[in-house]
Protein backbone atom coordinates (compact mmCIF):
# COMPACT_ATOMS: atom_id res chain seq x y z
CA MET A 1 63.02 -57.76 14.31
CA THR A 2 60.25 -55.31 14.00
CA THR A 3 59.04 -53.95 10.76
CA PRO A 4 58.19 -50.31 10.59
CA ILE A 5 54.52 -49.49 10.25
CA PRO A 6 53.87 -47.39 7.20
CA GLU A 7 52.47 -43.98 7.96
CA GLN A 8 48.75 -43.81 7.20
CA LYS A 9 47.17 -40.71 5.84
CA PRO A 10 43.72 -39.79 7.13
CA ALA A 11 41.02 -40.54 4.60
CA GLN A 12 39.42 -37.52 3.09
CA ALA A 13 35.75 -37.23 3.82
CA SER A 14 33.59 -37.20 0.77
CA ALA A 15 30.72 -34.80 0.42
CA PRO A 16 27.66 -35.94 2.37
CA VAL A 17 25.12 -37.79 0.30
CA GLN A 18 21.78 -36.06 0.11
CA ALA A 19 18.95 -38.27 1.32
CA SER A 20 16.38 -38.53 -1.38
CA ALA A 21 12.87 -37.53 -0.50
CA PRO A 22 10.54 -40.49 -0.03
CA VAL A 23 8.68 -41.26 -3.19
CA HIS A 24 4.95 -41.27 -2.55
CA GLY A 25 3.22 -44.15 -4.15
CA SER A 26 6.15 -46.52 -3.95
CA GLY A 27 5.63 -49.55 -1.77
CA PRO A 28 2.45 -51.05 -0.40
CA VAL A 29 1.97 -48.68 2.56
CA LYS A 30 0.33 -45.35 1.72
CA ASP A 31 0.31 -42.46 4.18
CA GLN A 32 -3.30 -41.58 3.35
CA ASP A 33 -4.47 -45.11 4.21
CA VAL A 34 -2.43 -45.21 7.41
CA LYS A 35 -4.03 -41.91 8.44
CA TYR A 36 -7.51 -43.26 7.61
CA TRP A 37 -7.09 -46.37 9.77
CA THR A 38 -5.39 -44.44 12.57
CA ASP A 39 -8.18 -41.85 12.67
CA ARG A 40 -10.82 -44.60 12.55
CA ALA A 41 -9.19 -46.53 15.42
CA ASN A 42 -8.71 -43.37 17.51
CA ASP A 43 -12.37 -42.45 17.03
CA LEU A 44 -13.41 -45.96 18.06
CA LEU A 45 -11.24 -45.84 21.17
CA ALA A 46 -12.33 -42.31 22.09
CA ARG A 47 -16.06 -43.11 21.95
CA PRO A 48 -16.51 -46.86 22.45
CA SER A 49 -20.01 -46.74 23.96
CA GLU A 50 -21.32 -44.56 21.14
CA HIS A 51 -20.06 -47.04 18.56
CA ILE A 52 -21.36 -50.09 20.42
CA HIS A 53 -24.84 -48.58 20.76
CA SER A 54 -24.92 -47.02 17.28
CA ARG A 55 -27.85 -47.92 15.07
CA SER A 56 -28.75 -47.19 11.50
CA PRO A 57 -30.77 -44.04 10.98
CA THR A 58 -34.43 -44.27 10.13
CA GLY A 59 -34.83 -44.90 6.44
CA ALA A 60 -31.62 -46.89 6.13
CA GLN A 61 -31.46 -49.07 3.03
CA SER A 62 -31.09 -52.82 2.97
CA TRP A 63 -27.86 -54.41 1.77
CA PHE A 64 -27.63 -55.06 -1.97
CA ALA A 65 -25.83 -58.39 -1.50
CA GLY A 66 -26.95 -61.05 0.94
CA PHE A 67 -24.61 -62.20 3.69
CA PHE A 68 -24.54 -65.80 2.46
CA ASP A 69 -24.38 -64.90 -1.25
CA CYS A 70 -20.67 -65.48 -1.04
CA PHE A 71 -20.27 -68.15 -3.74
CA ASN A 72 -21.06 -65.85 -6.63
CA PRO A 73 -18.78 -64.82 -8.27
CA ILE A 74 -16.70 -67.88 -7.53
CA ASP A 75 -13.35 -66.16 -8.19
CA THR A 76 -14.01 -63.62 -5.43
CA CYS A 77 -15.09 -66.46 -3.15
CA LEU A 78 -11.90 -68.45 -3.77
CA ILE A 79 -9.58 -65.46 -3.43
CA THR A 80 -11.30 -64.36 -0.23
CA CYS A 81 -11.24 -67.83 1.31
CA CYS A 82 -7.53 -68.22 0.56
CA LEU A 83 -6.38 -64.60 0.99
CA PRO A 84 -9.08 -62.53 2.73
CA CYS A 85 -6.64 -59.64 3.12
CA VAL A 86 -6.53 -59.12 -0.67
CA THR A 87 -10.30 -58.67 -0.97
CA PHE A 88 -10.35 -56.57 2.21
CA GLY A 89 -7.74 -54.24 0.69
CA LYS A 90 -9.63 -54.13 -2.61
CA VAL A 91 -12.82 -53.01 -0.86
CA GLN A 92 -10.97 -50.28 1.00
CA HIS A 93 -9.25 -49.09 -2.18
CA ARG A 94 -12.58 -48.98 -4.01
CA MET A 95 -14.21 -46.95 -1.22
CA GLN A 96 -11.33 -44.53 -0.64
CA HIS A 97 -9.58 -44.16 -3.99
CA SER A 98 -11.11 -45.52 -7.18
CA VAL A 99 -14.31 -47.33 -8.10
CA GLU A 100 -12.56 -48.80 -11.12
CA LEU A 101 -9.59 -49.86 -8.94
CA GLU A 102 -7.13 -47.55 -10.73
CA GLY A 103 -3.79 -47.80 -8.97
CA TYR A 104 -4.91 -50.81 -6.95
CA GLU A 105 -2.24 -53.21 -5.75
CA PRO A 106 -3.26 -56.50 -4.08
CA VAL A 107 -0.78 -55.93 -1.27
CA ASN A 108 -1.67 -52.54 0.17
CA THR A 109 -2.00 -50.84 3.56
CA SER A 110 -5.40 -52.35 4.36
CA CYS A 111 -4.26 -55.81 3.26
CA LEU A 112 -1.23 -55.59 5.55
CA LEU A 113 -3.42 -54.29 8.40
CA LEU A 114 -5.67 -57.35 8.16
CA CYS A 115 -2.64 -59.67 8.02
CA GLY A 116 -1.20 -58.05 11.14
CA ALA A 117 -4.54 -58.23 12.95
CA ALA A 118 -4.87 -61.91 11.99
CA CYS A 119 -1.41 -62.61 13.42
CA LEU A 120 -2.60 -61.09 16.69
CA GLY A 121 -5.88 -63.04 16.58
CA VAL A 122 -8.08 -59.98 16.12
CA ALA A 123 -8.82 -60.04 12.38
CA CYS A 124 -12.49 -59.43 13.13
CA VAL A 125 -11.73 -55.90 14.39
CA PRO A 126 -10.68 -54.24 11.10
CA VAL A 127 -13.35 -56.21 9.20
CA ALA A 128 -16.05 -54.98 11.61
CA MET A 129 -14.64 -51.44 11.32
CA GLN A 130 -14.84 -51.67 7.52
CA ARG A 131 -18.41 -52.98 7.78
CA GLN A 132 -19.37 -50.01 9.95
CA ALA A 133 -17.74 -47.61 7.47
CA ILE A 134 -19.73 -49.19 4.64
CA ARG A 135 -22.98 -48.88 6.62
CA GLU A 136 -22.26 -45.23 7.38
CA LYS A 137 -21.18 -44.28 3.87
CA TYR A 138 -24.10 -45.91 2.06
CA ASN A 139 -26.77 -45.52 4.79
CA LEU A 140 -27.32 -49.26 5.25
CA GLU A 141 -29.22 -51.21 7.89
CA GLY A 142 -27.38 -52.72 10.84
CA ASN A 143 -25.59 -51.90 14.07
CA CYS A 144 -22.22 -52.44 15.71
CA ILE A 145 -23.17 -55.66 17.49
CA GLU A 146 -24.42 -57.18 14.22
CA ASP A 147 -21.21 -56.09 12.49
CA ILE A 148 -19.09 -57.83 15.11
CA ALA A 149 -21.26 -60.96 15.19
CA ARG A 150 -21.29 -61.34 11.41
CA THR A 151 -17.55 -60.80 11.24
CA ILE A 152 -16.85 -63.38 13.94
CA CYS A 153 -19.40 -65.85 12.50
CA CYS A 154 -17.98 -65.78 8.97
CA GLY A 155 -15.35 -63.20 8.20
CA CYS A 156 -15.02 -64.33 4.58
CA CYS A 157 -18.78 -64.00 3.95
CA SER A 158 -18.64 -60.54 5.48
CA ILE A 159 -15.69 -59.43 3.34
CA ILE A 160 -17.32 -60.77 0.16
CA GLN A 161 -20.53 -58.91 1.03
CA HIS A 162 -18.45 -55.74 1.55
CA ASP A 163 -16.84 -56.23 -1.87
CA LYS A 164 -20.15 -56.64 -3.67
CA GLU A 165 -21.77 -53.78 -1.76
CA ALA A 166 -18.91 -51.32 -2.33
CA GLU A 167 -18.70 -52.17 -6.02
CA ASN A 168 -22.44 -51.75 -6.54
CA ARG A 169 -22.89 -48.64 -4.38
CA GLU A 170 -19.81 -46.85 -5.73
CA ARG A 171 -20.98 -47.40 -9.30
CA LEU A 172 -24.42 -46.07 -8.40
CA LEU A 173 -22.88 -43.06 -6.64
CA ARG A 174 -20.75 -42.37 -9.69
CA GLN A 175 -23.88 -42.44 -11.84
CA GLY A 176 -25.60 -40.18 -9.30
CA SER A 177 -28.56 -42.46 -8.71
CA VAL A 178 -28.26 -43.77 -5.17
CA ASP A 179 -29.90 -40.98 -3.22
CA GLN A 180 -32.84 -43.19 -2.38
CA GLN A 181 -34.09 -46.60 -3.25
CA TYR A 182 -36.87 -47.00 -5.76
CA LYS A 183 -40.22 -45.65 -4.66
CA THR A 184 -43.49 -46.34 -6.40
CA ALA A 185 -45.05 -43.42 -8.17
CA PRO A 186 -48.16 -41.97 -6.55
CA GLY A 187 -51.45 -43.07 -8.07
CA MET A 188 -53.22 -40.96 -10.63
CA THR A 189 -55.70 -38.42 -9.37
CA TYR A 190 -58.52 -36.68 -11.15
CA PRO A 191 -58.70 -32.91 -11.07
CA PRO A 192 -61.58 -31.52 -9.02
CA GLN A 193 -64.71 -30.64 -11.04
C-alpha cells in the first residue's frame, strides 16, 4: 500500500538580508598597511637595480642604536627572539601610525606579513625592506646590500635596531629637533679694529 504524499507549499522567500559594510579597524589586517606593503613591493620589483645600487645621500646620519645592542632592553630582546613578527609590526605601526603606539595591536598586517614570509623562507625580504624605509625616512647611513646582509646575518638584531631607531627618531621628529645632528658652534671672533 502506498501512502499519499502530502502536498508541499513552496516556501516564501524572505526579504534579502543587507550585507553590512565592512567595519574598518576590525581585525588585524588594515587596508592602509596592505597598500603600503603592496606599493613598496611594486616599487622594488619595478626598479630592482636602482634599489640594489642605492646609497645613503651625503650627510646621512649614523644609526642611534648599534646593530649588536640588542640585549637592552631585555624585554624587547626576548619578545623579538621568540616572536620577531610582533616587534616588526610594532616598528611599522610606530613609523606609519603613532609614535606612542595608539591603536597598536601585536597581531597586525606587518606582523602577519613577516609570518607569511617566514613560512616561505624569505623573512629577510620584508625586514630588509623595513630597514631601507627607516634609512630613507630618517636619512641614515647604509645601502641595500648592507640591509640584506645584516638581515640575513641576524634578523632579530636588525629588528631590535629598527625598534630602537624608530622609537628614538619618531620622538625627536615629534619634538621637531631631528633636522640635523649636533654641530659644534663656531669659535668666537673679534670684530675688526
